[in-house]
Amino acid sequence: MRCDAAQLALSVSMDERSTSSPDVEAHLRTCPVCGRFEQAAWRIRELARFEVAPPVPDMVPAIMDKVDEVEADRLLGWGPQPGRTRARLRWIVAQRGIVAAAAAGVILGLLLTTGGVVPIGGRINTVALAGEIPSRLARAASTLDGYRATFDITESHWARAVPRRTFVADVAFLAPESFSVVVRDTTRYPSEAWPRNDLRLVTDGRSWEASGPDPCPSAALPACPTVAPVKRSIVERPPFDARSGMPTDVIVPTTVLAAADRVTVVGPDTVAGRAAVAIELPYEEAVPLFQYLQFLGSWRPFFPQDRVELWLDRDTWFPLRYEVFPTPGPERSLWSSQMGLPTEPGDAPVFDATVRSLSTKEPPATLFAPRPGPEAVDEGFQDLPRRTRASSGRASWRGSGGTGSGSSPDRHCAPTQKAFSPTPPGCRG
């Protein structure tokens, strides 16, 4: 049974208060993903339950009976003389409307807060947040001028002789179109014969360079067809050229999430001391998150339906952590056999990237210095002088002095856009 069918059947049985079918129960006993879904579904239903508060009891008749009883005893000489007790009773009777309203407010407040309508104790409304995250990501992308972060990365089952690899990735961005990522392979390999996955990608917008080992077939390891690192570079690159784009989803995942109407929110968490919210999506939708690593080198494969959990910073909406969990099922098992992977349980991540440090301080421009090789591809983009309207009303070309017919070029498209934005019309060579 597929997970989506089982989860639908579970939801129906919960809503209709009926028992699940034997097939669903059997699937639930062996599927950790659906087990977590069942727990979360029950929790949602418990939090969403809303009951009308019972009517506040009218205590006025009982109070008045007590007043009459005390007054009768006093007249017969059996009770105490009027004093503070009677004065308090009169105050309660006079304030009975306020007392009733206060009691109703307390009961309603308890229902609202415990029912999940109002957050208490740091809870967040995940349903509302699911629809807000895409727009918040878009705003974060449009206002970002600088970024630097370091990620610690762990990868499992790349090769049988190397069951675990570790990396450190330094990522930097400077608006509008400067980007850099340096990946250092910190794995302890069985011998020096194994290729190290040291990678570098850098662009200042005009030039672009990527260097590192070529992908190596797992069957050939450790002897790869290409031993030495390769370098690929581009010069005279058009602004925001999609053919040599920048993998900026690792900074703000606009490609992954911002275009969606809503996302699947798992819940709040804390990563590297920062308040975060966890998002869940399949790997096939999260591929742009990994492109800052996969432009060169060798990496383990992932099944399209593997589960990716992504933690976003609640203040900046930058990714703080993302993990890949194998999805259970026969299709995935067959695929694993074909890929030469071992049995991978669904509750243990096979890939983890966690931020070590993060800053929005603008990095120095010297950090983005491509070194194009002799075989660089020239894409032939040529800057044109910006055409403007002279004071006389006639068209003229703005040169180095801002007026006249100077021929100083002006790459005027770039400053008005950022790497997270689509290519502006008319900005291609």
Protein backbone atom coordinates (compact mmCIF):
# COMPACT_ATOMS: atom_id res chain seq x y z
CA MET A 1 0.00 0.00 0.00
CA ARG A 2 1.29 3.46 -0.90
CA CYS A 3 1.78 6.03 1.82
CA ASP A 4 -0.57 8.57 0.26
CA ALA A 5 -3.42 6.04 0.13
CA ALA A 6 -2.79 4.93 3.70
CA GLN A 7 -2.68 8.51 4.99
CA LEU A 8 -5.92 9.37 3.20
CA ALA A 9 -7.63 6.32 4.71
CA LEU A 10 -6.32 7.25 8.17
CA SER A 11 -7.67 10.78 7.85
CA VAL A 12 -11.10 9.53 6.78
CA SER A 13 -11.31 7.05 9.66
CA MET A 14 -10.33 9.77 12.15
CA ASP A 15 -12.92 12.20 10.83
CA GLU A 16 -15.69 9.59 10.63
CA ARG A 17 -14.69 7.92 13.92
CA SER A 18 -14.46 4.53 12.26
CA THR A 19 -11.81 1.81 12.34
CA SER A 20 -9.16 1.56 9.67
CA SER A 21 -9.01 -1.39 7.29
CA PRO A 22 -6.65 -4.30 8.04
CA ASP A 23 -4.46 -3.27 5.09
CA VAL A 24 -4.02 0.22 6.53
CA GLU A 25 -3.27 -1.16 10.00
CA ALA A 26 -0.68 -3.56 8.57
CA HIS A 27 0.96 -0.76 6.60
CA LEU A 28 0.98 1.46 9.67
CA ARG A 29 2.89 -1.13 11.71
CA THR A 30 5.79 -1.18 9.22
CA CYS A 31 5.88 2.43 7.94
CA PRO A 32 7.51 5.04 10.21
CA VAL A 33 6.45 7.86 7.89
CA CYS A 34 2.76 7.00 8.21
CA GLY A 35 3.25 6.40 11.92
CA ARG A 36 4.45 9.97 12.33
CA PHE A 37 1.59 11.12 10.10
CA GLU A 38 -0.95 9.41 12.37
CA GLN A 39 0.52 11.03 15.48
CA ALA A 40 0.56 14.46 13.85
CA ALA A 41 -2.99 14.02 12.52
CA TRP A 42 -4.34 13.17 15.96
CA ARG A 43 -2.46 16.11 17.42
CA ILE A 44 -3.94 18.48 14.84
CA ARG A 45 -7.43 17.24 15.60
CA GLU A 46 -6.89 17.65 19.32
CA LEU A 47 -5.61 21.20 18.90
CA ALA A 48 -8.34 22.15 16.43
CA ARG A 49 -11.19 20.95 18.67
CA PHE A 50 -13.34 23.89 19.76
CA GLU A 51 -16.20 23.57 22.23
CA VAL A 52 -18.79 26.13 23.30
CA ALA A 53 -18.30 27.15 26.90
CA PRO A 54 -21.16 26.03 29.16
CA PRO A 55 -23.36 28.79 30.59
CA VAL A 56 -21.95 30.48 33.65
CA PRO A 57 -24.05 29.43 36.66
CA ASP A 58 -26.27 32.16 38.11
CA MET A 59 -25.21 32.43 41.75
CA VAL A 60 -27.44 35.43 42.55
CA PRO A 61 -30.49 33.49 43.89
CA ALA A 62 -28.33 31.36 46.20
CA ILE A 63 -26.54 34.45 47.45
CA MET A 64 -29.82 36.26 48.12
CA ASP A 65 -31.23 33.23 49.97
CA LYS A 66 -28.14 33.27 52.15
CA VAL A 67 -28.60 37.00 52.77
CA ASP A 68 -32.25 36.50 53.79
CA GLU A 69 -31.28 33.61 56.05
CA VAL A 70 -28.59 35.63 57.80
CA GLU A 71 -30.89 38.64 58.14
CA ALA A 72 -33.67 36.49 59.68
CA ASP A 73 -31.24 35.01 62.18
CA ARG A 74 -30.11 38.50 63.12
CA LEU A 75 -33.67 39.72 63.70
CA LEU A 76 -34.37 36.72 65.95
CA GLY A 77 -31.15 37.35 67.81
CA TRP A 78 -29.51 34.10 66.67
CA GLY A 79 -26.81 35.52 64.43
CA PRO A 80 -24.09 38.16 64.48
CA GLN A 81 -24.85 41.83 64.09
CA PRO A 82 -24.36 43.41 60.67
CA GLY A 83 -20.73 43.95 59.97
CA ARG A 84 -18.06 43.24 57.39
CA THR A 85 -19.61 39.91 56.31
CA ARG A 86 -22.88 41.50 55.22
CA ALA A 87 -21.05 44.34 53.50
CA ARG A 88 -19.05 41.83 51.43
CA LEU A 89 -22.21 39.98 50.44
CA ARG A 90 -23.82 43.22 49.30
CA TRP A 91 -20.69 43.99 47.21
CA ILE A 92 -20.83 40.56 45.55
CA VAL A 93 -24.51 41.02 44.66
CA ALA A 94 -23.85 44.48 43.28
CA GLN A 95 -20.91 43.22 41.20
CA ARG A 96 -22.55 40.01 40.01
CA GLY A 97 -22.45 41.09 36.34
CA ILE A 98 -18.74 41.75 36.46
CA VAL A 99 -18.07 38.47 38.25
CA ALA A 100 -20.08 36.51 35.68
CA ALA A 101 -18.28 38.18 32.78
CA ALA A 102 -14.89 37.49 34.34
CA ALA A 103 -15.74 33.83 34.83
CA ALA A 104 -16.91 33.53 31.23
CA GLY A 105 -13.71 35.19 30.03
CA VAL A 106 -11.53 32.76 31.97
CA ILE A 107 -13.35 29.73 30.55
CA LEU A 108 -13.25 31.07 26.99
CA GLY A 109 -9.57 31.93 27.33
CA LEU A 110 -8.75 28.42 28.44
CA LEU A 111 -10.65 26.95 25.52
CA LEU A 112 -8.96 29.21 22.99
CA THR A 113 -5.42 28.72 24.22
CA THR A 114 -5.59 24.98 24.85
CA GLY A 115 -7.49 24.49 21.61
CA GLY A 116 -4.73 26.01 19.53
CA VAL A 117 -6.53 29.16 18.41
CA VAL A 118 -4.14 31.45 20.32
CA PRO A 119 -0.46 30.40 20.62
CA ILE A 120 0.90 30.00 24.15
CA GLY A 121 4.26 28.88 25.40
CA GLY A 122 6.00 29.68 22.10
CA ARG A 123 3.72 27.58 19.89
CA ILE A 124 3.18 28.64 16.31
CA ASN A 125 0.15 28.27 14.10
CA THR A 126 1.60 25.90 11.53
CA VAL A 127 -1.50 26.01 9.33
CA ALA A 128 -1.28 29.78 8.91
CA LEU A 129 2.50 29.71 8.58
CA ALA A 130 2.29 27.17 5.74
CA GLY A 131 0.61 29.77 3.56
CA GLU A 132 2.83 32.66 4.65
CA ILE A 133 6.28 31.13 4.13
CA PRO A 134 6.40 31.49 0.30
CA SER A 135 5.71 35.24 0.46
CA ARG A 136 8.17 35.71 3.33
CA LEU A 137 10.86 33.99 1.29
CA ALA A 138 10.17 36.28 -1.64
CA ARG A 139 10.54 39.34 0.60
CA ALA A 140 13.77 37.97 2.08
CA ALA A 141 15.21 37.47 -1.41
CA SER A 142 14.31 40.97 -2.57
CA THR A 143 16.00 42.66 0.39
CA LEU A 144 19.16 40.56 0.63
CA ASP A 145 22.40 42.44 -0.11
CA GLY A 146 25.02 40.21 1.49
CA TYR A 147 25.38 36.73 2.96
CA ARG A 148 28.07 34.44 4.35
CA ALA A 149 27.58 31.01 5.87
CA THR A 150 29.48 27.83 6.65
CA PHE A 151 27.78 24.42 6.51
CA ASP A 152 28.91 21.11 7.98
CA ILE A 153 27.84 18.29 5.66
CA THR A 154 27.59 14.54 6.23
CA GLU A 155 26.81 12.06 3.45
CA SER A 156 26.17 8.33 3.90
CA HIS A 157 26.68 5.36 1.55
CA TRP A 158 28.57 7.06 -1.26
CA ALA A 159 30.64 3.89 -1.69
CA ARG A 160 30.83 0.61 0.20
CA ALA A 161 34.44 1.24 1.18
CA VAL A 162 33.56 4.80 2.25
CA PRO A 163 30.23 4.58 4.12
CA ARG A 164 30.46 8.13 5.46
CA ARG A 165 31.90 11.34 4.02
CA THR A 166 32.15 14.78 5.60
CA PHE A 167 32.53 18.23 4.06
CA VAL A 168 32.69 21.90 5.01
CA ALA A 169 31.04 24.34 2.59
CA ASP A 170 31.62 28.11 2.67
CA VAL A 171 28.94 30.09 0.82
CA ALA A 172 28.97 33.84 0.10
CA PHE A 173 26.77 36.25 -1.85
CA LEU A 174 27.00 39.95 -2.71
CA ALA A 175 24.19 41.68 -4.57
CA PRO A 176 23.42 41.82 -7.32
CA GLU A 177 25.19 38.81 -8.84
CA SER A 178 28.38 37.81 -7.05
CA PHE A 179 28.39 34.29 -5.64
CA SER A 180 31.00 31.93 -4.22
CA VAL A 181 30.99 28.42 -2.79
CA VAL A 182 34.07 26.49 -1.67
CA VAL A 183 33.59 22.84 -0.62
CA ARG A 184 36.39 21.16 1.34
CA ASP A 185 36.34 17.37 1.58
CA THR A 186 37.31 16.40 5.16
CA THR A 187 36.71 12.65 4.73
CA ARG A 188 39.32 10.09 5.83
CA TYR A 189 39.57 7.81 2.79
CA PRO A 190 41.07 4.29 2.81
CA SER A 191 44.01 5.52 0.71
CA GLU A 192 45.32 8.44 -1.32
CA ALA A 193 43.97 6.77 -4.45
CA TRP A 194 40.44 7.89 -3.65
CA PRO A 195 39.35 11.18 -5.29
CA ARG A 196 38.67 14.09 -2.96
CA ASN A 197 35.53 16.10 -3.59
CA ASP A 198 37.09 19.58 -3.26
CA LEU A 199 34.99 22.04 -5.27
CA ARG A 200 34.94 25.74 -6.08
CA LEU A 201 32.42 27.92 -7.89
CA VAL A 202 32.78 31.70 -8.10
CA THR A 203 31.31 34.49 -10.21
CA ASP A 204 31.37 38.26 -10.14
CA GLY A 205 28.50 38.44 -12.60
CA ARG A 206 30.69 39.07 -15.65
CA SER A 207 32.95 35.99 -15.36
CA TRP A 208 32.09 32.53 -14.03
CA GLU A 209 34.35 29.67 -12.96
CA ALA A 210 33.78 26.16 -11.59
CA SER A 211 36.54 23.73 -10.65
CA GLY A 212 36.72 20.28 -9.09
CA PRO A 213 36.80 16.59 -10.02
CA ASP A 214 34.63 15.25 -12.78
CA PRO A 215 31.82 12.90 -11.69
CA CYS A 216 33.17 9.38 -11.22
CA PRO A 217 31.08 6.21 -11.76
CA SER A 218 30.73 4.33 -8.48
CA ALA A 219 31.68 1.07 -10.18
CA ALA A 220 35.05 2.55 -11.18
CA LEU A 221 36.03 3.80 -7.72
CA PRO A 222 38.67 4.56 -6.68
CA ALA A 223 40.10 4.59 -10.22
CA CYS A 224 38.27 7.43 -11.99
CA PRO A 225 38.52 8.19 -15.73
CA THR A 226 39.66 11.75 -14.98
CA VAL A 227 42.12 12.07 -12.13
CA ALA A 228 43.08 15.75 -12.21
CA PRO A 229 40.54 18.45 -11.31
CA VAL A 230 38.79 20.12 -14.22
CA LYS A 231 38.06 23.81 -14.69
CA ARG A 232 35.16 25.30 -16.59
CA SER A 233 34.93 29.04 -17.03
CA ILE A 234 32.88 31.64 -18.87
CA VAL A 235 33.72 35.24 -19.75
CA GLU A 236 31.60 38.10 -21.12
CA ARG A 237 28.60 36.50 -19.45
CA PRO A 238 25.17 38.16 -19.88
CA PRO A 239 23.56 39.39 -16.66
CA PHE A 240 21.53 36.69 -14.90
CA ASP A 241 22.34 34.13 -17.58
CA ALA A 242 20.41 30.92 -16.89
CA ARG A 243 23.05 28.79 -18.64
CA SER A 244 25.59 29.71 -15.96
CA GLY A 245 23.23 30.46 -13.13
CA MET A 246 24.06 30.60 -9.45
CA PRO A 247 22.73 27.94 -7.04
CA THR A 248 21.34 30.51 -4.62
CA ASP A 249 18.55 28.32 -3.22
CA VAL A 250 21.00 27.36 -0.49
CA ILE A 251 20.69 31.00 0.66
CA VAL A 252 17.00 31.69 0.02
CA PRO A 253 15.08 28.69 -1.42
CA THR A 254 12.93 30.71 -3.79
CA THR A 255 12.94 28.05 -6.52
CA VAL A 256 11.98 25.36 -4.03
CA LEU A 257 9.33 27.11 -1.94
CA ALA A 258 8.52 30.70 -2.92
CA ALA A 259 6.48 29.73 -5.98
CA ALA A 260 4.26 27.38 -3.97
CA ASP A 261 0.88 28.41 -2.58
CA ARG A 262 1.70 26.71 0.70
CA VAL A 263 4.21 24.29 2.15
CA THR A 264 4.08 21.36 4.56
CA VAL A 265 5.13 22.64 7.97
CA VAL A 266 6.39 20.01 10.41
CA GLY A 267 6.75 22.35 13.38
CA PRO A 268 9.09 24.65 15.33
CA ASP A 269 12.63 23.77 16.33
CA THR A 270 16.00 25.31 17.19
CA VAL A 271 19.09 24.99 14.98
CA ALA A 272 22.49 26.44 15.90
CA GLY A 273 20.83 28.48 18.63
CA ARG A 274 18.34 30.04 16.21
CA ALA A 275 14.55 29.70 16.24
CA ALA A 276 13.56 27.68 13.18
CA VAL A 277 10.55 26.12 11.50
CA ALA A 278 10.80 22.73 9.77
CA ILE A 279 9.42 22.16 6.26
CA GLU A 280 8.92 18.77 4.61
CA LEU A 281 9.02 18.05 0.87
CA PRO A 282 10.13 15.26 -1.51
CA TYR A 283 13.66 15.30 -2.88
CA GLU A 284 12.47 15.82 -6.46
CA GLU A 285 11.09 19.22 -5.39
CA ALA A 286 14.14 20.07 -3.29
CA VAL A 287 16.81 19.49 -5.97
CA PRO A 288 17.78 23.22 -6.21
CA LEU A 289 18.89 23.08 -2.57
CA PHE A 290 21.68 20.69 -3.56
CA GLN A 291 22.88 22.39 -6.74
CA TYR A 292 25.54 24.40 -4.91
CA LEU A 293 27.27 21.04 -4.34
CA GLN A 294 26.39 19.02 -7.43
CA PHE A 295 27.82 21.26 -10.17
CA LEU A 296 30.91 18.98 -10.18
CA GLY A 297 32.29 16.05 -8.24
CA SER A 298 30.72 12.74 -7.22
CA TRP A 299 27.75 12.45 -4.89
CA ARG A 300 25.43 9.69 -3.81
CA PRO A 301 22.04 9.45 -5.57
CA PHE A 302 18.67 10.10 -3.95
CA PHE A 303 15.30 8.56 -4.74
CA PRO A 304 12.84 11.18 -6.10
CA GLN A 305 10.39 10.51 -3.26
CA ASP A 306 12.98 10.56 -0.47
CA ARG A 307 11.82 12.91 2.28
CA VAL A 308 13.68 16.19 2.76
CA GLU A 309 13.27 18.09 6.02
CA LEU A 310 14.34 21.72 5.72
CA TRP A 311 14.75 24.04 8.72
CA LEU A 312 14.33 27.76 7.98
CA ASP A 313 15.45 30.59 10.25
CA ARG A 314 12.36 32.33 11.68
CA ASP A 315 13.98 35.77 11.35
CA THR A 316 15.83 35.67 8.03
CA TRP A 317 14.19 32.60 6.39
CA PHE A 318 17.62 31.28 5.40
CA PRO A 319 18.07 27.48 5.42
CA LEU A 320 19.75 26.40 8.64
CA ARG A 321 19.64 22.66 8.14
CA TYR A 322 18.32 20.09 5.72
CA GLU A 323 18.30 16.31 5.88
CA VAL A 324 17.33 13.55 3.47
CA PHE A 325 15.47 10.49 4.78
CA PRO A 326 14.89 7.35 2.66
CA THR A 327 11.23 6.75 1.92
CA PRO A 328 10.00 3.20 2.65
CA GLY A 329 8.41 0.98 0.03
CA PRO A 330 9.17 -1.68 -2.57
CA GLU A 331 9.86 0.83 -5.34
CA ARG A 332 12.54 2.48 -3.31
CA SER A 333 14.03 -0.90 -2.32
CA LEU A 334 14.27 -1.93 -5.97
CA TRP A 335 15.89 1.37 -6.88
CA SER A 336 18.41 0.98 -4.02
CA SER A 337 19.42 -2.44 -5.32
CA GLN A 338 19.93 -1.04 -8.79
CA MET A 339 22.06 1.81 -7.39
CA GLY A 340 24.16 -0.57 -5.30
CA LEU A 341 23.01 1.01 -2.04
CA PRO A 342 22.55 -0.92 1.21
CA THR A 343 19.27 -1.17 3.08
CA GLU A 344 18.52 2.29 4.46
CA PRO A 345 15.95 2.71 7.27
CA GLY A 346 13.52 5.58 6.92
CA ASP A 347 14.21 7.09 10.34
CA ALA A 348 17.93 7.80 9.82
CA PRO A 349 19.12 10.62 7.52
CA VAL A 350 21.48 9.70 4.69
CA PHE A 351 22.46 13.33 4.12
CA ASP A 352 22.73 16.23 6.54
CA ALA A 353 23.81 19.84 6.05
CA THR A 354 23.77 22.08 9.14
CA VAL A 355 24.82 25.71 9.35
CA ARG A 356 27.81 26.41 11.58
CA SER A 357 27.87 30.19 11.17
CA LEU A 358 25.72 32.72 9.31
CA SER A 359 25.91 36.47 8.68
CA THR A 360 24.16 39.02 6.47
CA LYS A 361 27.15 41.36 6.53
CA GLU A 362 28.22 42.18 2.98
CA PRO A 363 31.38 40.21 2.11
CA PRO A 364 34.27 42.00 0.38
CA ALA A 365 34.14 42.12 -3.41
CA THR A 366 37.63 40.59 -3.53
CA LEU A 367 36.11 37.30 -2.41
CA PHE A 368 34.45 36.97 -5.82
CA ALA A 369 37.42 36.78 -8.18
CA PRO A 370 37.06 34.17 -10.94
CA ARG A 371 40.24 32.95 -12.60
CA PRO A 372 39.11 31.97 -16.09
CA GLY A 373 41.32 29.45 -17.83
CA PRO A 374 42.67 29.64 -21.39
CA GLU A 375 39.74 27.55 -22.65
CA ALA A 376 37.08 29.83 -21.21
CA VAL A 377 33.85 30.11 -23.18
CA ASP A 378 33.24 33.64 -24.43
CA GLU A 379 29.49 34.27 -24.46
CA GLY A 380 30.04 37.56 -26.27
CA PHE A 381 27.98 39.90 -24.11
CA GLN A 382 28.87 43.51 -24.86
CA ASP A 383 27.81 46.44 -22.72
CA LEU A 384 25.99 49.24 -24.50
CA PRO A 385 26.06 52.89 -23.45
CA ARG A 386 22.83 53.90 -21.81
CA ARG A 387 20.56 56.01 -23.95
CA THR A 388 19.09 59.04 -22.21
CA ARG A 389 17.12 62.13 -23.04
CA ALA A 390 19.18 65.36 -23.25
CA SER A 391 17.89 68.70 -21.98
CA SER A 392 17.15 69.75 -25.56
CA GLY A 393 14.70 66.89 -25.88
CA ARG A 394 16.86 65.02 -28.37
CA ALA A 395 18.13 61.51 -27.70
CA SER A 396 21.76 61.26 -26.69
CA TRP A 397 24.16 58.66 -25.26
CA ARG A 398 25.37 58.97 -21.68
CA GLY A 399 29.12 58.60 -21.50
CA SER A 400 31.67 58.79 -18.73
CA GLY A 401 30.70 62.35 -17.88
CA GLY A 402 26.98 61.64 -17.84
CA THR A 403 26.24 63.84 -20.91
CA GLY A 404 27.37 64.20 -24.48
CA SER A 405 28.28 61.36 -26.79
CA GLY A 406 30.88 59.49 -24.75
CA SER A 407 31.16 55.77 -25.35
CA SER A 408 31.80 54.49 -21.83
CA PRO A 409 29.78 51.31 -21.45
CA ASP A 410 27.12 50.93 -18.79
CA ARG A 411 26.07 47.49 -17.63
CA HIS A 412 22.86 49.06 -16.46
CA CYS A 413 20.72 45.95 -16.09
CA ALA A 414 22.65 44.38 -13.21
CA PRO A 415 22.25 46.88 -10.34
CA THR A 416 18.46 46.84 -10.54
CA GLN A 417 18.17 43.07 -10.12
CA LYS A 418 19.45 40.35 -7.84
CA ALA A 419 20.49 36.79 -8.44
CA PHE A 420 17.21 35.58 -6.94
CA SER A 421 15.14 37.51 -9.51
CA PRO A 422 14.27 36.45 -13.06
CA THR A 423 16.32 37.90 -15.89
CA PRO A 424 14.99 41.38 -16.72
CA PRO A 425 13.74 41.85 -20.29
CA GLY A 426 16.23 43.31 -22.70
CA CYS A 427 19.28 42.44 -20.61
CA ARG A 428 20.69 39.76 -22.87
CA GLY A 429 23.41 40.36 -25.39
